[in-house]
Amino acid sequence: MPRVLVVDPNAADRDWLDQQFSAANYETVAFANGDDAIRELERADAALVVTEWLLPDITGLELTERIRRAERPDTRVVMVSTRSDPGDIARALEAGVDDFVIKPPRSTELLARAQAALRRPALPPSNGVLRVGSITLDPSAHKVSVNNHELSLAPVEFRLIAYFMENAGRVIGRQQLLDKVWNRRSGIGERTVDVHVRRLRAALEPHGCEAAIQTVRGFGYRFE
């Protein structure tokens, strides 16, 4: 049974979140602040932390960063917050949040997002082979294949699918892709990201895998 830590200073929201996960057969522990949640994580592991952005002691971003610094690759973080600005969502995802849900969420959406985050594998070693579904990427051989059929990819598409696969299941913003795949080179904008995503989908389409790259409207992409 996955163990979930709910962290929210609003008692009504905290109780609602606790009830949704409990009803879905998760083991839940609820806290009103980040420090108590960190102490609980030091005492016992949790598969998932569901946190607000605004906490009375630290922010949800700081809580996420402390979890990542503690080298807990198996602990997923989903932020459920009243904040809805795309820039805030981008900051949260870049800080290591696995997904971001805007309040008030529907129960079905919340649980689906949580389950997707829990399915995402921990990041492998940087020199390790990546596998997502039927897609395999071997960084040492610089090769991507689908069911043993090698894809012909340009260097930028190889870097793009590698970053997608390293972050499978996470929502990735276009600005984040510009930083990580294109290193923010001058003259490169968000439309360039979309063009190369279309090319990557076209390379995957003959193998029936183009749907692995999902568009997240108004923000970016998810690969799973």
N, C-alpha and C. Protein backbone atom coordinates (compact mmCIF):
# COMPACT_ATOMS: atom_id res chain seq x y z
N MET A 1 0.85 -1.20 0.00
CA MET A 1 0.00 0.00 0.00
C MET A 1 0.89 1.25 0.00
N PRO A 2 0.81 2.11 -1.04
CA PRO A 2 1.66 3.31 -1.07
C PRO A 2 1.35 4.24 0.10
N ARG A 3 2.41 4.84 0.63
CA ARG A 3 2.27 5.75 1.76
C ARG A 3 2.34 7.19 1.25
N VAL A 4 1.37 8.01 1.63
CA VAL A 4 1.25 9.38 1.13
C VAL A 4 1.30 10.36 2.29
N LEU A 5 2.15 11.40 2.15
CA LEU A 5 2.17 12.51 3.11
C LEU A 5 1.43 13.68 2.49
N VAL A 6 0.39 14.15 3.16
CA VAL A 6 -0.37 15.32 2.73
C VAL A 6 0.08 16.51 3.56
N VAL A 7 0.50 17.59 2.88
CA VAL A 7 1.02 18.77 3.59
C VAL A 7 0.25 19.98 3.10
N ASP A 8 -0.62 20.52 3.97
CA ASP A 8 -1.45 21.66 3.58
C ASP A 8 -1.88 22.40 4.85
N PRO A 9 -1.65 23.72 4.91
CA PRO A 9 -2.01 24.47 6.12
C PRO A 9 -3.51 24.68 6.28
N ASN A 10 -4.27 24.53 5.20
CA ASN A 10 -5.72 24.72 5.26
C ASN A 10 -6.37 23.42 5.72
N ALA A 11 -7.01 23.46 6.87
CA ALA A 11 -7.54 22.24 7.47
C ALA A 11 -8.56 21.55 6.56
N ALA A 12 -9.45 22.34 5.95
CA ALA A 12 -10.48 21.74 5.09
C ALA A 12 -9.85 21.08 3.87
N ASP A 13 -8.87 21.75 3.23
CA ASP A 13 -8.20 21.16 2.08
C ASP A 13 -7.40 19.93 2.48
N ARG A 14 -6.73 20.02 3.64
CA ARG A 14 -5.92 18.90 4.11
C ARG A 14 -6.79 17.68 4.36
N ASP A 15 -7.94 17.90 5.01
CA ASP A 15 -8.85 16.79 5.30
C ASP A 15 -9.41 16.18 4.01
N TRP A 16 -9.73 17.04 3.03
CA TRP A 16 -10.28 16.54 1.77
C TRP A 16 -9.25 15.69 1.05
N LEU A 17 -8.01 16.18 0.97
CA LEU A 17 -6.96 15.41 0.32
C LEU A 17 -6.72 14.08 1.03
N ASP A 18 -6.69 14.13 2.35
CA ASP A 18 -6.50 12.93 3.16
C ASP A 18 -7.60 11.91 2.85
N GLN A 19 -8.83 12.39 2.77
CA GLN A 19 -9.97 11.50 2.52
C GLN A 19 -9.89 10.86 1.13
N GLN A 20 -9.48 11.67 0.12
CA GLN A 20 -9.42 11.12 -1.25
C GLN A 20 -8.41 9.99 -1.34
N PHE A 21 -7.25 10.17 -0.75
CA PHE A 21 -6.22 9.13 -0.83
C PHE A 21 -6.57 7.94 0.06
N SER A 22 -7.15 8.20 1.21
CA SER A 22 -7.56 7.08 2.08
C SER A 22 -8.62 6.23 1.40
N ALA A 23 -9.59 6.89 0.74
CA ALA A 23 -10.66 6.16 0.06
C ALA A 23 -10.12 5.34 -1.11
N ALA A 24 -8.97 5.76 -1.66
CA ALA A 24 -8.35 5.02 -2.76
C ALA A 24 -7.33 3.99 -2.25
N ASN A 25 -7.39 3.70 -0.96
CA ASN A 25 -6.56 2.65 -0.34
C ASN A 25 -5.09 3.02 -0.22
N TYR A 26 -4.79 4.31 -0.11
CA TYR A 26 -3.44 4.74 0.23
C TYR A 26 -3.35 4.88 1.75
N GLU A 27 -2.16 4.65 2.28
CA GLU A 27 -1.90 4.95 3.69
C GLU A 27 -1.50 6.42 3.77
N THR A 28 -2.24 7.22 4.51
CA THR A 28 -2.01 8.66 4.51
C THR A 28 -1.63 9.18 5.90
N VAL A 29 -0.77 10.20 5.89
CA VAL A 29 -0.42 10.95 7.10
C VAL A 29 -0.48 12.42 6.70
N ALA A 30 -1.16 13.24 7.49
CA ALA A 30 -1.38 14.64 7.12
C ALA A 30 -0.66 15.58 8.07
N PHE A 31 -0.13 16.68 7.49
CA PHE A 31 0.59 17.68 8.26
C PHE A 31 0.20 19.08 7.80
N ALA A 32 0.33 20.04 8.71
CA ALA A 32 0.00 21.43 8.41
C ALA A 32 1.21 22.23 7.99
N ASN A 33 2.42 21.68 8.16
CA ASN A 33 3.63 22.44 7.82
C ASN A 33 4.72 21.51 7.26
N GLY A 34 5.71 22.13 6.65
CA GLY A 34 6.75 21.37 5.97
C GLY A 34 7.74 20.69 6.90
N ASP A 35 8.11 21.36 8.00
CA ASP A 35 9.10 20.78 8.90
C ASP A 35 8.62 19.46 9.50
N ASP A 36 7.33 19.40 9.87
CA ASP A 36 6.79 18.15 10.41
C ASP A 36 6.82 17.05 9.35
N ALA A 37 6.54 17.42 8.12
CA ALA A 37 6.59 16.43 7.04
C ALA A 37 8.00 15.90 6.84
N ILE A 38 8.99 16.79 6.89
CA ILE A 38 10.39 16.36 6.75
C ILE A 38 10.78 15.42 7.88
N ARG A 39 10.39 15.75 9.10
CA ARG A 39 10.71 14.86 10.23
C ARG A 39 10.07 13.49 10.05
N GLU A 40 8.85 13.47 9.50
CA GLU A 40 8.18 12.19 9.27
C GLU A 40 8.92 11.39 8.19
N LEU A 41 9.41 12.08 7.15
CA LEU A 41 10.16 11.39 6.10
C LEU A 41 11.47 10.83 6.63
N GLU A 42 12.07 11.52 7.60
CA GLU A 42 13.30 11.00 8.21
C GLU A 42 13.01 9.76 9.04
N ARG A 43 11.79 9.68 9.56
CA ARG A 43 11.40 8.54 10.39
C ARG A 43 10.99 7.33 9.54
N ALA A 44 10.25 7.60 8.45
CA ALA A 44 9.74 6.51 7.62
C ALA A 44 9.55 7.01 6.19
N ASP A 45 9.86 6.16 5.23
CA ASP A 45 9.74 6.54 3.82
C ASP A 45 8.29 6.78 3.42
N ALA A 46 8.12 7.55 2.36
CA ALA A 46 6.81 7.74 1.76
C ALA A 46 6.96 7.67 0.25
N ALA A 47 5.97 7.10 -0.42
CA ALA A 47 6.02 7.01 -1.87
C ALA A 47 5.68 8.35 -2.52
N LEU A 48 4.83 9.14 -1.85
CA LEU A 48 4.32 10.36 -2.45
C LEU A 48 4.13 11.43 -1.38
N VAL A 49 4.51 12.66 -1.73
CA VAL A 49 4.22 13.84 -0.91
C VAL A 49 3.33 14.75 -1.72
N VAL A 50 2.18 15.10 -1.16
CA VAL A 50 1.23 16.02 -1.80
C VAL A 50 1.26 17.31 -0.99
N THR A 51 1.70 18.40 -1.59
CA THR A 51 1.94 19.61 -0.82
C THR A 51 1.35 20.85 -1.48
N GLU A 52 0.95 21.81 -0.67
CA GLU A 52 0.60 23.15 -1.14
C GLU A 52 1.89 23.91 -1.40
N TRP A 53 1.78 25.01 -2.15
CA TRP A 53 2.94 25.90 -2.36
C TRP A 53 3.20 26.69 -1.08
N LEU A 54 2.15 27.31 -0.55
CA LEU A 54 2.29 28.18 0.62
C LEU A 54 2.10 27.38 1.89
N LEU A 55 3.17 27.25 2.67
CA LEU A 55 3.14 26.58 3.96
C LEU A 55 3.56 27.60 5.02
N PRO A 56 3.22 27.38 6.28
CA PRO A 56 3.51 28.39 7.30
C PRO A 56 4.99 28.54 7.64
N ASP A 57 5.81 27.53 7.37
CA ASP A 57 7.22 27.59 7.75
C ASP A 57 8.15 27.66 6.54
N ILE A 58 7.97 26.77 5.59
CA ILE A 58 8.75 26.78 4.35
C ILE A 58 7.77 26.70 3.19
N THR A 59 8.24 26.95 1.99
CA THR A 59 7.35 26.80 0.84
C THR A 59 7.35 25.35 0.36
N GLY A 60 6.35 25.03 -0.46
CA GLY A 60 6.33 23.70 -1.06
C GLY A 60 7.53 23.46 -1.95
N LEU A 61 8.07 24.54 -2.54
CA LEU A 61 9.29 24.41 -3.35
C LEU A 61 10.47 24.00 -2.47
N GLU A 62 10.59 24.66 -1.32
CA GLU A 62 11.69 24.33 -0.40
C GLU A 62 11.54 22.91 0.13
N LEU A 63 10.31 22.51 0.40
CA LEU A 63 10.07 21.13 0.84
C LEU A 63 10.53 20.15 -0.23
N THR A 64 10.18 20.43 -1.49
CA THR A 64 10.59 19.56 -2.59
C THR A 64 12.10 19.50 -2.71
N GLU A 65 12.75 20.66 -2.63
CA GLU A 65 14.21 20.71 -2.76
C GLU A 65 14.89 19.94 -1.62
N ARG A 66 14.34 20.01 -0.41
CA ARG A 66 14.91 19.26 0.71
C ARG A 66 14.75 17.76 0.50
N ILE A 67 13.64 17.35 -0.08
CA ILE A 67 13.43 15.94 -0.38
C ILE A 67 14.45 15.48 -1.43
N ARG A 68 14.67 16.31 -2.45
CA ARG A 68 15.63 15.95 -3.49
C ARG A 68 17.06 15.93 -2.95
N ARG A 69 17.40 16.90 -2.09
CA ARG A 69 18.75 16.92 -1.50
C ARG A 69 18.99 15.72 -0.61
N ALA A 70 17.93 15.20 -0.02
CA ALA A 70 18.05 14.02 0.84
C ALA A 70 18.22 12.74 0.03
N GLU A 71 18.30 12.90 -1.31
CA GLU A 71 18.51 11.77 -2.22
C GLU A 71 17.45 10.69 -2.02
N ARG A 72 16.21 11.12 -2.19
CA ARG A 72 15.08 10.20 -2.13
C ARG A 72 14.45 10.10 -3.52
N PRO A 73 15.11 9.40 -4.45
CA PRO A 73 14.61 9.35 -5.82
C PRO A 73 13.27 8.65 -5.96
N ASP A 74 12.91 7.82 -4.98
CA ASP A 74 11.65 7.09 -5.08
C ASP A 74 10.47 7.87 -4.50
N THR A 75 10.71 9.00 -3.87
CA THR A 75 9.62 9.81 -3.32
C THR A 75 9.16 10.80 -4.37
N ARG A 76 7.92 10.67 -4.80
CA ARG A 76 7.34 11.58 -5.77
C ARG A 76 6.69 12.76 -5.04
N VAL A 77 6.64 13.91 -5.72
CA VAL A 77 6.02 15.10 -5.15
C VAL A 77 4.99 15.65 -6.13
N VAL A 78 3.75 15.80 -5.67
CA VAL A 78 2.70 16.44 -6.46
C VAL A 78 2.26 17.68 -5.70
N MET A 79 2.33 18.83 -6.35
CA MET A 79 1.90 20.08 -5.72
C MET A 79 0.45 20.34 -6.07
N VAL A 80 -0.38 20.55 -5.06
CA VAL A 80 -1.79 20.87 -5.24
C VAL A 80 -1.99 22.25 -4.64
N SER A 81 -2.19 23.25 -5.49
CA SER A 81 -2.09 24.63 -5.02
C SER A 81 -3.12 25.53 -5.68
N THR A 82 -3.41 26.64 -5.00
CA THR A 82 -4.28 27.67 -5.57
C THR A 82 -3.57 28.47 -6.64
N ARG A 83 -2.26 28.38 -6.70
CA ARG A 83 -1.51 29.12 -7.71
C ARG A 83 -1.76 28.51 -9.09
N SER A 84 -1.96 29.40 -10.08
CA SER A 84 -2.28 28.91 -11.42
C SER A 84 -1.47 29.61 -12.51
N ASP A 85 -0.58 30.52 -12.12
CA ASP A 85 0.23 31.22 -13.11
C ASP A 85 1.20 30.25 -13.78
N PRO A 86 1.27 30.24 -15.12
CA PRO A 86 2.20 29.32 -15.80
C PRO A 86 3.64 29.46 -15.33
N GLY A 87 4.06 30.69 -14.99
CA GLY A 87 5.42 30.88 -14.49
C GLY A 87 5.65 30.18 -13.17
N ASP A 88 4.65 30.20 -12.29
CA ASP A 88 4.76 29.49 -11.00
C ASP A 88 4.81 27.99 -11.22
N ILE A 89 3.97 27.51 -12.15
CA ILE A 89 3.97 26.07 -12.43
C ILE A 89 5.33 25.65 -12.97
N ALA A 90 5.90 26.48 -13.85
CA ALA A 90 7.23 26.17 -14.39
C ALA A 90 8.28 26.13 -13.28
N ARG A 91 8.24 27.09 -12.36
CA ARG A 91 9.20 27.10 -11.24
C ARG A 91 9.08 25.83 -10.41
N ALA A 92 7.85 25.41 -10.16
CA ALA A 92 7.64 24.21 -9.34
C ALA A 92 8.20 22.97 -10.03
N LEU A 93 7.92 22.82 -11.31
CA LEU A 93 8.41 21.65 -12.04
C LEU A 93 9.92 21.65 -12.14
N GLU A 94 10.49 22.84 -12.34
CA GLU A 94 11.95 22.92 -12.42
C GLU A 94 12.61 22.67 -11.07
N ALA A 95 11.87 22.90 -9.97
CA ALA A 95 12.40 22.62 -8.64
C ALA A 95 12.35 21.15 -8.29
N GLY A 96 11.72 20.34 -9.16
CA GLY A 96 11.69 18.90 -8.91
C GLY A 96 10.33 18.32 -8.61
N VAL A 97 9.28 19.16 -8.65
CA VAL A 97 7.93 18.63 -8.47
C VAL A 97 7.58 17.73 -9.65
N ASP A 98 6.97 16.60 -9.38
CA ASP A 98 6.64 15.65 -10.44
C ASP A 98 5.40 16.06 -11.22
N ASP A 99 4.47 16.72 -10.56
CA ASP A 99 3.28 17.21 -11.26
C ASP A 99 2.66 18.33 -10.43
N PHE A 100 1.81 19.12 -11.09
CA PHE A 100 1.21 20.29 -10.46
C PHE A 100 -0.28 20.27 -10.77
N VAL A 101 -1.11 20.32 -9.71
CA VAL A 101 -2.56 20.29 -9.86
C VAL A 101 -3.12 21.56 -9.24
N ILE A 102 -3.96 22.27 -10.00
CA ILE A 102 -4.53 23.53 -9.53
C ILE A 102 -5.79 23.26 -8.71
N LYS A 103 -5.89 23.92 -7.56
CA LYS A 103 -7.09 23.80 -6.71
C LYS A 103 -8.25 24.59 -7.32
N PRO A 104 -9.48 24.13 -7.11
CA PRO A 104 -9.84 22.85 -6.48
C PRO A 104 -9.79 21.72 -7.51
N PRO A 105 -9.10 20.64 -7.22
CA PRO A 105 -9.01 19.54 -8.19
C PRO A 105 -10.21 18.62 -8.12
N ARG A 106 -10.49 17.95 -9.22
CA ARG A 106 -11.45 16.85 -9.18
C ARG A 106 -10.76 15.62 -8.62
N SER A 107 -11.49 14.84 -7.87
CA SER A 107 -10.89 13.66 -7.24
C SER A 107 -10.28 12.73 -8.27
N THR A 108 -10.98 12.52 -9.39
CA THR A 108 -10.47 11.60 -10.41
C THR A 108 -9.16 12.10 -11.01
N GLU A 109 -9.09 13.41 -11.26
CA GLU A 109 -7.86 13.98 -11.82
C GLU A 109 -6.71 13.88 -10.82
N LEU A 110 -6.99 14.23 -9.58
CA LEU A 110 -5.95 14.17 -8.54
C LEU A 110 -5.36 12.78 -8.44
N LEU A 111 -6.21 11.78 -8.35
CA LEU A 111 -5.72 10.41 -8.17
C LEU A 111 -5.01 9.91 -9.43
N ALA A 112 -5.50 10.31 -10.60
CA ALA A 112 -4.83 9.90 -11.85
C ALA A 112 -3.44 10.51 -11.93
N ARG A 113 -3.31 11.79 -11.56
CA ARG A 113 -2.00 12.44 -11.59
C ARG A 113 -1.05 11.79 -10.58
N ALA A 114 -1.58 11.47 -9.40
CA ALA A 114 -0.75 10.83 -8.39
C ALA A 114 -0.27 9.45 -8.85
N GLN A 115 -1.18 8.69 -9.44
CA GLN A 115 -0.81 7.36 -9.93
C GLN A 115 0.23 7.45 -11.04
N ALA A 116 0.09 8.45 -11.92
CA ALA A 116 1.07 8.63 -13.00
C ALA A 116 2.44 8.97 -12.42
N ALA A 117 2.47 9.82 -11.40
CA ALA A 117 3.74 10.17 -10.76
C ALA A 117 4.38 8.95 -10.11
N LEU A 118 3.58 8.12 -9.48
CA LEU A 118 4.11 6.93 -8.81
C LEU A 118 4.62 5.90 -9.81
N ARG A 119 4.05 5.89 -11.01
CA ARG A 119 4.51 4.93 -12.04
C ARG A 119 5.84 5.34 -12.64
N ARG A 120 6.18 6.62 -12.55
CA ARG A 120 7.42 7.08 -13.19
C ARG A 120 8.61 6.45 -12.50
N PRO A 121 9.50 5.79 -13.26
CA PRO A 121 10.65 5.14 -12.64
C PRO A 121 11.64 6.15 -12.10
N ALA A 122 12.39 5.75 -11.08
CA ALA A 122 13.48 6.60 -10.59
C ALA A 122 14.50 6.78 -11.69
N LEU A 123 15.16 7.94 -11.69
CA LEU A 123 16.15 8.21 -12.73
C LEU A 123 17.29 7.20 -12.67
N PRO A 124 17.66 6.63 -13.80
CA PRO A 124 18.76 5.67 -13.83
C PRO A 124 20.09 6.39 -13.84
N PRO A 125 21.20 5.69 -13.67
CA PRO A 125 22.50 6.32 -13.82
C PRO A 125 22.62 6.97 -15.19
N SER A 126 23.42 8.04 -15.28
CA SER A 126 23.51 8.80 -16.53
C SER A 126 24.03 7.96 -17.69
N ASN A 127 24.78 6.89 -17.41
CA ASN A 127 25.30 6.05 -18.50
C ASN A 127 24.44 4.81 -18.72
N GLY A 128 23.28 4.75 -18.07
CA GLY A 128 22.46 3.55 -18.17
C GLY A 128 21.49 3.61 -19.33
N VAL A 129 21.03 2.45 -19.77
CA VAL A 129 20.05 2.35 -20.84
C VAL A 129 18.69 2.75 -20.28
N LEU A 130 17.96 3.56 -21.05
CA LEU A 130 16.63 4.03 -20.66
C LEU A 130 15.57 3.23 -21.41
N ARG A 131 14.50 2.87 -20.71
CA ARG A 131 13.39 2.16 -21.36
C ARG A 131 12.08 2.76 -20.88
N VAL A 132 11.25 3.16 -21.82
CA VAL A 132 9.90 3.63 -21.53
C VAL A 132 8.97 2.92 -22.51
N GLY A 133 8.16 2.01 -21.99
CA GLY A 133 7.32 1.21 -22.86
C GLY A 133 8.18 0.40 -23.81
N SER A 134 7.90 0.49 -25.10
CA SER A 134 8.67 -0.26 -26.10
C SER A 134 9.86 0.52 -26.65
N ILE A 135 10.10 1.72 -26.11
CA ILE A 135 11.17 2.59 -26.59
C ILE A 135 12.41 2.40 -25.71
N THR A 136 13.56 2.19 -26.34
CA THR A 136 14.82 2.00 -25.62
C THR A 136 15.85 3.00 -26.14
N LEU A 137 16.57 3.61 -25.21
CA LEU A 137 17.64 4.55 -25.58
C LEU A 137 18.93 4.10 -24.91
N ASP A 138 19.95 3.89 -25.75
CA ASP A 138 21.28 3.50 -25.26
C ASP A 138 22.21 4.70 -25.47
N PRO A 139 22.53 5.44 -24.39
CA PRO A 139 23.35 6.65 -24.57
C PRO A 139 24.76 6.36 -25.03
N SER A 140 25.34 5.24 -24.62
CA SER A 140 26.72 4.94 -25.01
C SER A 140 26.81 4.63 -26.51
N ALA A 141 25.78 3.98 -27.05
CA ALA A 141 25.75 3.68 -28.48
C ALA A 141 25.08 4.78 -29.29
N HIS A 142 24.51 5.77 -28.59
CA HIS A 142 23.80 6.88 -29.23
C HIS A 142 22.71 6.32 -30.14
N LYS A 143 21.89 5.45 -29.57
CA LYS A 143 20.90 4.72 -30.37
C LYS A 143 19.55 4.73 -29.65
N VAL A 144 18.49 4.98 -30.44
CA VAL A 144 17.11 4.86 -29.95
C VAL A 144 16.41 3.82 -30.82
N SER A 145 15.73 2.89 -30.17
CA SER A 145 15.04 1.85 -30.93
C SER A 145 13.66 1.59 -30.35
N VAL A 146 12.77 1.10 -31.20
CA VAL A 146 11.43 0.68 -30.79
C VAL A 146 11.28 -0.78 -31.20
N ASN A 147 11.16 -1.65 -30.20
CA ASN A 147 11.07 -3.09 -30.48
C ASN A 147 12.20 -3.55 -31.40
N ASN A 148 13.41 -3.10 -31.06
CA ASN A 148 14.64 -3.46 -31.78
C ASN A 148 14.76 -2.85 -33.17
N HIS A 149 13.86 -1.93 -33.54
CA HIS A 149 13.99 -1.21 -34.80
C HIS A 149 14.59 0.17 -34.50
N GLU A 150 15.81 0.41 -35.00
CA GLU A 150 16.50 1.65 -34.69
C GLU A 150 15.87 2.83 -35.41
N LEU A 151 15.71 3.96 -34.70
CA LEU A 151 15.18 5.19 -35.29
C LEU A 151 16.32 6.02 -35.85
N SER A 152 16.04 6.73 -36.92
CA SER A 152 17.00 7.66 -37.49
C SER A 152 16.64 9.06 -36.98
N LEU A 153 17.45 9.57 -36.05
CA LEU A 153 17.16 10.85 -35.41
C LEU A 153 18.30 11.83 -35.61
N ALA A 154 17.96 13.10 -35.81
CA ALA A 154 18.97 14.15 -35.81
C ALA A 154 19.48 14.33 -34.39
N PRO A 155 20.66 14.91 -34.21
CA PRO A 155 21.21 15.06 -32.85
C PRO A 155 20.28 15.76 -31.87
N VAL A 156 19.58 16.81 -32.33
CA VAL A 156 18.71 17.52 -31.40
C VAL A 156 17.52 16.66 -31.00
N GLU A 157 17.00 15.83 -31.94
CA GLU A 157 15.89 14.94 -31.58
C GLU A 157 16.37 13.86 -30.61
N PHE A 158 17.61 13.43 -30.75
CA PHE A 158 18.16 12.45 -29.82
C PHE A 158 18.23 13.06 -28.41
N ARG A 159 18.75 14.30 -28.33
CA ARG A 159 18.82 14.95 -27.01
C ARG A 159 17.43 15.17 -26.44
N LEU A 160 16.48 15.50 -27.30
CA LEU A 160 15.12 15.76 -26.85
C LEU A 160 14.47 14.50 -26.29
N ILE A 161 14.55 13.39 -27.02
CA ILE A 161 13.92 12.16 -26.52
C ILE A 161 14.65 11.64 -25.29
N ALA A 162 15.97 11.86 -25.22
CA ALA A 162 16.72 11.44 -24.02
C ALA A 162 16.22 12.20 -22.80
N TYR A 163 16.01 13.50 -22.95
CA TYR A 163 15.52 14.28 -21.80
C TYR A 163 14.10 13.88 -21.44
N PHE A 164 13.26 13.64 -22.46
CA PHE A 164 11.91 13.16 -22.19
C PHE A 164 11.95 11.84 -21.41
N MET A 165 12.79 10.91 -21.85
CA MET A 165 12.81 9.59 -21.22
C MET A 165 13.41 9.65 -19.82
N GLU A 166 14.37 10.52 -19.60
CA GLU A 166 14.93 10.69 -18.26
C GLU A 166 13.90 11.24 -17.29
N ASN A 167 12.90 11.93 -17.82
CA ASN A 167 11.87 12.56 -16.98
C ASN A 167 10.49 12.02 -17.31
N ALA A 168 10.43 10.74 -17.68
CA ALA A 168 9.16 10.14 -18.10
C ALA A 168 8.10 10.30 -17.02
N GLY A 169 6.91 10.70 -17.45
CA GLY A 169 5.78 10.88 -16.54
C GLY A 169 5.66 12.28 -15.98
N ARG A 170 6.70 13.10 -16.10
CA ARG A 170 6.67 14.46 -15.58
C ARG A 170 6.22 15.43 -16.66
N VAL A 171 5.52 16.48 -16.24
CA VAL A 171 5.19 17.56 -17.16
C VAL A 171 6.43 18.44 -17.32
N ILE A 172 6.82 18.69 -18.58
CA ILE A 172 8.03 19.46 -18.86
C ILE A 172 7.64 20.67 -19.70
N GLY A 173 7.97 21.85 -19.22
CA GLY A 173 7.63 23.07 -19.93
C GLY A 173 8.58 23.34 -21.09
N ARG A 174 8.12 24.14 -22.03
CA ARG A 174 8.95 24.49 -23.18
C ARG A 174 10.20 25.25 -22.75
N GLN A 175 10.07 26.13 -21.76
CA GLN A 175 11.23 26.87 -21.28
C GLN A 175 12.25 25.93 -20.66
N GLN A 176 11.77 24.91 -19.96
CA GLN A 176 12.68 23.92 -19.37
C GLN A 176 13.42 23.16 -20.47
N LEU A 177 12.71 22.82 -21.55
CA LEU A 177 13.36 22.13 -22.66
C LEU A 177 14.40 23.02 -23.34
N LEU A 178 14.09 24.30 -23.46
CA LEU A 178 15.07 25.24 -24.02
C LEU A 178 16.34 25.27 -23.18
N ASP A 179 16.17 25.22 -21.86
CA ASP A 179 17.33 25.24 -20.96
C ASP A 179 18.14 23.96 -21.07
N LYS A 180 17.46 22.83 -21.06
CA LYS A 180 18.15 21.55 -20.91
C LYS A 180 18.59 20.92 -22.23
N VAL A 181 17.83 21.15 -23.30
CA VAL A 181 18.13 20.51 -24.59
C VAL A 181 18.88 21.46 -25.51
N TRP A 182 18.48 22.72 -25.49
CA TRP A 182 19.12 23.70 -26.40
C TRP A 182 20.10 24.63 -25.67
N ASN A 183 20.19 24.52 -24.35
CA ASN A 183 21.11 25.35 -23.56
C ASN A 183 20.90 26.85 -23.81
N ARG A 184 19.64 27.22 -24.09
CA ARG A 184 19.27 28.63 -24.22
C ARG A 184 20.08 29.38 -25.27
N ARG A 185 20.37 28.75 -26.40
CA ARG A 185 21.11 29.45 -27.44
C ARG A 185 20.26 30.57 -28.02
N SER A 186 20.90 31.68 -28.35
CA SER A 186 20.18 32.84 -28.87
C SER A 186 19.49 32.47 -30.18
N GLY A 187 18.32 33.06 -30.40
CA GLY A 187 17.57 32.80 -31.61
C GLY A 187 16.69 31.58 -31.54
N ILE A 188 16.76 30.83 -30.44
CA ILE A 188 15.94 29.63 -30.28
C ILE A 188 14.77 29.97 -29.37
N GLY A 189 13.55 29.75 -29.87
CA GLY A 189 12.36 30.05 -29.08
C GLY A 189 11.46 28.84 -28.94
N GLU A 190 10.31 29.06 -28.32
CA GLU A 190 9.41 27.95 -28.01
C GLU A 190 8.86 27.28 -29.27
N ARG A 191 8.72 28.04 -30.37
CA ARG A 191 8.22 27.42 -31.60
C ARG A 191 9.21 26.39 -32.13
N THR A 192 10.50 26.60 -31.88
CA THR A 192 11.50 25.62 -32.29
C THR A 192 11.29 24.31 -31.55
N VAL A 193 10.96 24.40 -30.25
CA VAL A 193 10.68 23.20 -29.47
C VAL A 193 9.53 22.43 -30.11
N ASP A 194 8.45 23.12 -30.45
CA ASP A 194 7.29 22.45 -31.03
C ASP A 194 7.62 21.79 -32.37
N VAL A 195 8.44 22.45 -33.17
CA VAL A 195 8.83 21.88 -34.46
C VAL A 195 9.57 20.55 -34.26
N HIS A 196 10.51 20.53 -33.32
CA HIS A 196 11.29 19.30 -33.12
C HIS A 196 10.46 18.21 -32.44
N VAL A 197 9.50 18.60 -31.62
CA VAL A 197 8.59 17.61 -31.05
C VAL A 197 7.78 16.96 -32.16
N ARG A 198 7.31 17.76 -33.13
CA ARG A 198 6.57 17.18 -34.26
C ARG A 198 7.44 16.22 -35.05
N ARG A 199 8.71 16.58 -35.25
CA ARG A 199 9.62 15.68 -35.98
C ARG A 199 9.85 14.39 -35.22
N LEU A 200 9.97 14.50 -33.90
CA LEU A 200 10.18 13.31 -33.08
C LEU A 200 8.94 12.42 -33.13
N ARG A 201 7.76 13.02 -33.05
CA ARG A 201 6.53 12.24 -33.17
C ARG A 201 6.46 11.54 -34.53
N ALA A 202 6.89 12.25 -35.57
CA ALA A 202 6.86 11.66 -36.91
C ALA A 202 7.78 10.44 -37.00
N ALA A 203 8.92 10.49 -36.29
CA ALA A 203 9.84 9.35 -36.28
C ALA A 203 9.26 8.17 -35.51
N LEU A 204 8.45 8.46 -34.50
CA LEU A 204 7.85 7.41 -33.69
C LEU A 204 6.58 6.83 -34.32
N GLU A 205 5.94 7.62 -35.18
CA GLU A 205 4.62 7.23 -35.71
C GLU A 205 4.62 5.90 -36.44
N PRO A 206 5.60 5.59 -37.30
CA PRO A 206 5.56 4.28 -37.99
C PRO A 206 5.57 3.09 -37.04
N HIS A 207 6.01 3.32 -35.80
CA HIS A 207 6.09 2.24 -34.82
C HIS A 207 4.93 2.31 -33.80
N GLY A 208 3.97 3.22 -34.06
CA GLY A 208 2.80 3.32 -33.20
C GLY A 208 3.06 3.93 -31.84
N CYS A 209 4.14 4.71 -31.73
CA CYS A 209 4.52 5.26 -30.42
C CYS A 209 4.41 6.77 -30.34
N GLU A 210 3.82 7.40 -31.35
CA GLU A 210 3.79 8.87 -31.34
C GLU A 210 3.00 9.43 -30.16
N ALA A 211 2.04 8.65 -29.62
CA ALA A 211 1.23 9.11 -28.50
C ALA A 211 2.02 9.14 -27.19
N ALA A 212 3.24 8.61 -27.21
CA ALA A 212 4.07 8.67 -25.99
C ALA A 212 4.37 10.12 -25.61
N ILE A 213 4.39 11.02 -26.60
CA ILE A 213 4.61 12.45 -26.33
C ILE A 213 3.25 13.12 -26.24
N GLN A 214 2.84 13.48 -25.05
CA GLN A 214 1.53 14.08 -24.83
C GLN A 214 1.68 15.59 -24.66
N THR A 215 0.80 16.34 -25.30
CA THR A 215 0.81 17.79 -25.15
C THR A 215 0.01 18.18 -23.92
N VAL A 216 0.61 19.00 -23.07
CA VAL A 216 -0.07 19.55 -21.89
C VAL A 216 -0.43 20.99 -22.25
N ARG A 217 -1.68 21.22 -22.54
CA ARG A 217 -2.13 22.49 -23.09
C ARG A 217 -1.70 23.67 -22.22
N GLY A 218 -1.10 24.66 -22.88
CA GLY A 218 -0.71 25.88 -22.20
C GLY A 218 0.61 25.80 -21.47
N PHE A 219 1.25 24.62 -21.50
CA PHE A 219 2.51 24.52 -20.75
C PHE A 219 3.62 23.81 -21.51
N GLY A 220 3.40 22.56 -21.88
CA GLY A 220 4.50 21.83 -22.51
C GLY A 220 4.10 20.41 -22.86
N TYR A 221 4.88 19.44 -22.37
CA TYR A 221 4.72 18.05 -22.79
C TYR A 221 4.93 17.09 -21.62
N ARG A 222 4.37 15.90 -21.80
CA ARG A 222 4.63 14.78 -20.89
C ARG A 222 4.96 13.57 -21.75
N PHE A 223 5.95 12.77 -21.34
CA PHE A 223 6.37 11.58 -22.09
C PHE A 223 6.09 10.37 -21.23
N GLU A 224 5.24 9.47 -21.74
CA GLU A 224 5.00 8.22 -20.97
C GLU A 224 4.38 7.15 -21.86
